[in-house]
Protein backbone atom coordinates (compact mmCIF):
# COMPACT_ATOMS: atom_id res chain seq x y z
CA MET A 1 3.37 86.53 80.27
CA ASN A 2 2.25 89.01 77.63
CA LYS A 3 -0.49 91.65 77.68
CA SER A 4 -3.32 89.28 76.73
CA ASP A 5 -2.21 86.81 79.43
CA LEU A 6 -2.19 89.67 81.94
CA VAL A 7 -5.70 90.74 80.85
CA ASP A 8 -6.96 87.14 81.20
CA ALA A 9 -5.40 86.79 84.66
CA LEU A 10 -6.83 90.12 85.82
CA ALA A 11 -10.27 89.25 84.51
CA SER A 12 -10.32 85.87 86.26
CA ALA A 13 -8.87 87.24 89.53
CA THR A 14 -11.36 90.10 89.81
CA GLY A 15 -14.45 88.81 88.01
CA MET A 16 -14.24 91.63 85.46
CA THR A 17 -15.02 91.14 81.82
CA LYS A 18 -11.99 90.84 79.55
CA ALA A 19 -12.90 94.17 77.94
CA ASP A 20 -12.91 95.94 81.32
CA ALA A 21 -9.67 94.24 82.33
CA SER A 22 -8.06 95.31 79.04
CA ARG A 23 -9.09 98.93 79.65
CA CYS A 24 -7.61 98.75 83.17
CA VAL A 25 -4.29 97.38 81.90
CA ASP A 26 -4.18 100.07 79.17
CA ALA A 27 -5.02 102.81 81.67
CA LEU A 28 -2.19 101.75 83.95
CA PHE A 29 0.54 100.61 81.55
CA GLY A 30 -0.26 102.37 78.25
CA PRO A 31 2.90 103.88 76.70
CA SER A 32 1.33 107.18 75.67
CA GLY A 33 -1.65 107.78 77.95
CA GLY A 34 -1.04 105.36 80.79
CA ILE A 35 -0.93 106.51 84.39
CA ILE A 36 2.63 105.31 84.98
CA SER A 37 4.09 106.78 81.78
CA SER A 38 2.29 110.10 82.35
CA ALA A 39 3.75 110.35 85.84
CA LEU A 40 7.25 109.56 84.59
CA ARG A 41 6.96 112.19 81.84
CA GLY A 42 6.11 114.68 84.58
CA ASP A 43 9.22 113.66 86.56
CA ARG A 44 7.10 112.07 89.28
CA LYS A 45 7.78 108.74 90.95
CA VAL A 46 5.21 105.93 91.11
CA GLN A 47 5.77 103.97 94.31
CA ILE A 48 3.74 100.85 95.01
CA THR A 49 4.55 99.66 98.52
CA GLY A 50 5.77 96.08 98.55
CA PHE A 51 6.01 95.93 94.74
CA GLY A 52 8.45 98.58 93.61
CA THR A 53 9.12 102.08 92.33
CA PHE A 54 8.98 103.41 88.79
CA GLU A 55 10.98 106.58 88.19
CA ALA A 56 12.52 108.59 85.37
CA LYS A 57 16.31 108.47 85.36
CA HIS A 58 18.31 111.26 83.79
CA ARG A 59 21.52 110.48 81.92
CA LYS A 60 23.95 113.32 81.40
CA ALA A 61 25.37 114.11 77.98
CA ARG A 62 28.68 112.40 77.42
CA MET A 63 31.30 111.50 74.89
CA GLY A 64 31.26 107.95 73.55
CA ARG A 65 33.21 105.98 71.04
CA ASN A 66 32.01 104.39 67.80
CA PRO A 67 33.05 100.73 68.16
CA ARG A 68 33.65 100.28 64.42
CA THR A 69 35.77 103.33 63.72
CA GLY A 70 37.04 104.26 67.17
CA GLN A 71 35.94 107.84 66.49
CA SER A 72 34.64 109.89 69.44
CA ILE A 73 30.96 110.80 69.23
CA TYR A 74 28.69 113.03 71.30
CA ILE A 75 25.82 111.29 73.08
CA ALA A 76 23.03 113.67 74.05
CA ALA A 77 21.38 113.72 77.49
CA THR A 78 18.37 111.41 77.79
CA LYS A 79 15.61 110.52 80.20
CA THR A 80 14.83 106.80 80.58
CA PRO A 81 12.32 104.87 82.68
CA GLY A 82 13.62 102.78 85.54
CA PHE A 83 12.14 100.27 87.97
CA ARG A 84 13.47 99.27 91.36
CA ALA A 85 11.82 96.20 92.90
CA GLY A 86 10.47 96.48 96.44
CA LYS A 87 11.20 94.12 99.30
CA GLY A 88 7.88 92.29 99.00
CA LEU A 89 8.43 91.51 95.32
CA LYS A 90 12.05 90.48 95.91
CA ASP A 91 11.00 88.13 98.73
CA ALA A 92 8.18 86.64 96.64
CA VAL A 93 10.51 85.90 93.73
CA LYS A 94 13.27 84.59 95.98
CA GLY A 95 10.87 82.19 97.72
CA SER A 96 9.81 80.43 94.52
């Protein structure tokens, strides 16, 4: 399912127009101004009971190895998004 499929499904499930559904999907999932990404940038967790939790994970700086040359390289610290599925979502997927 891609974004347009999600917009179509949301519009049919709620009776919204496709334009309104598209704005809702963008407001929630948009990479730069979306609610979830804004919360993660602010080091806040987004927890949706029964569905799952979105959170920013911090990776420490570390030394790695270039696979071609075998030379040691420095890998800087990063912050990456993570998702942990909730029990309700796990049970729904397992049951299908």
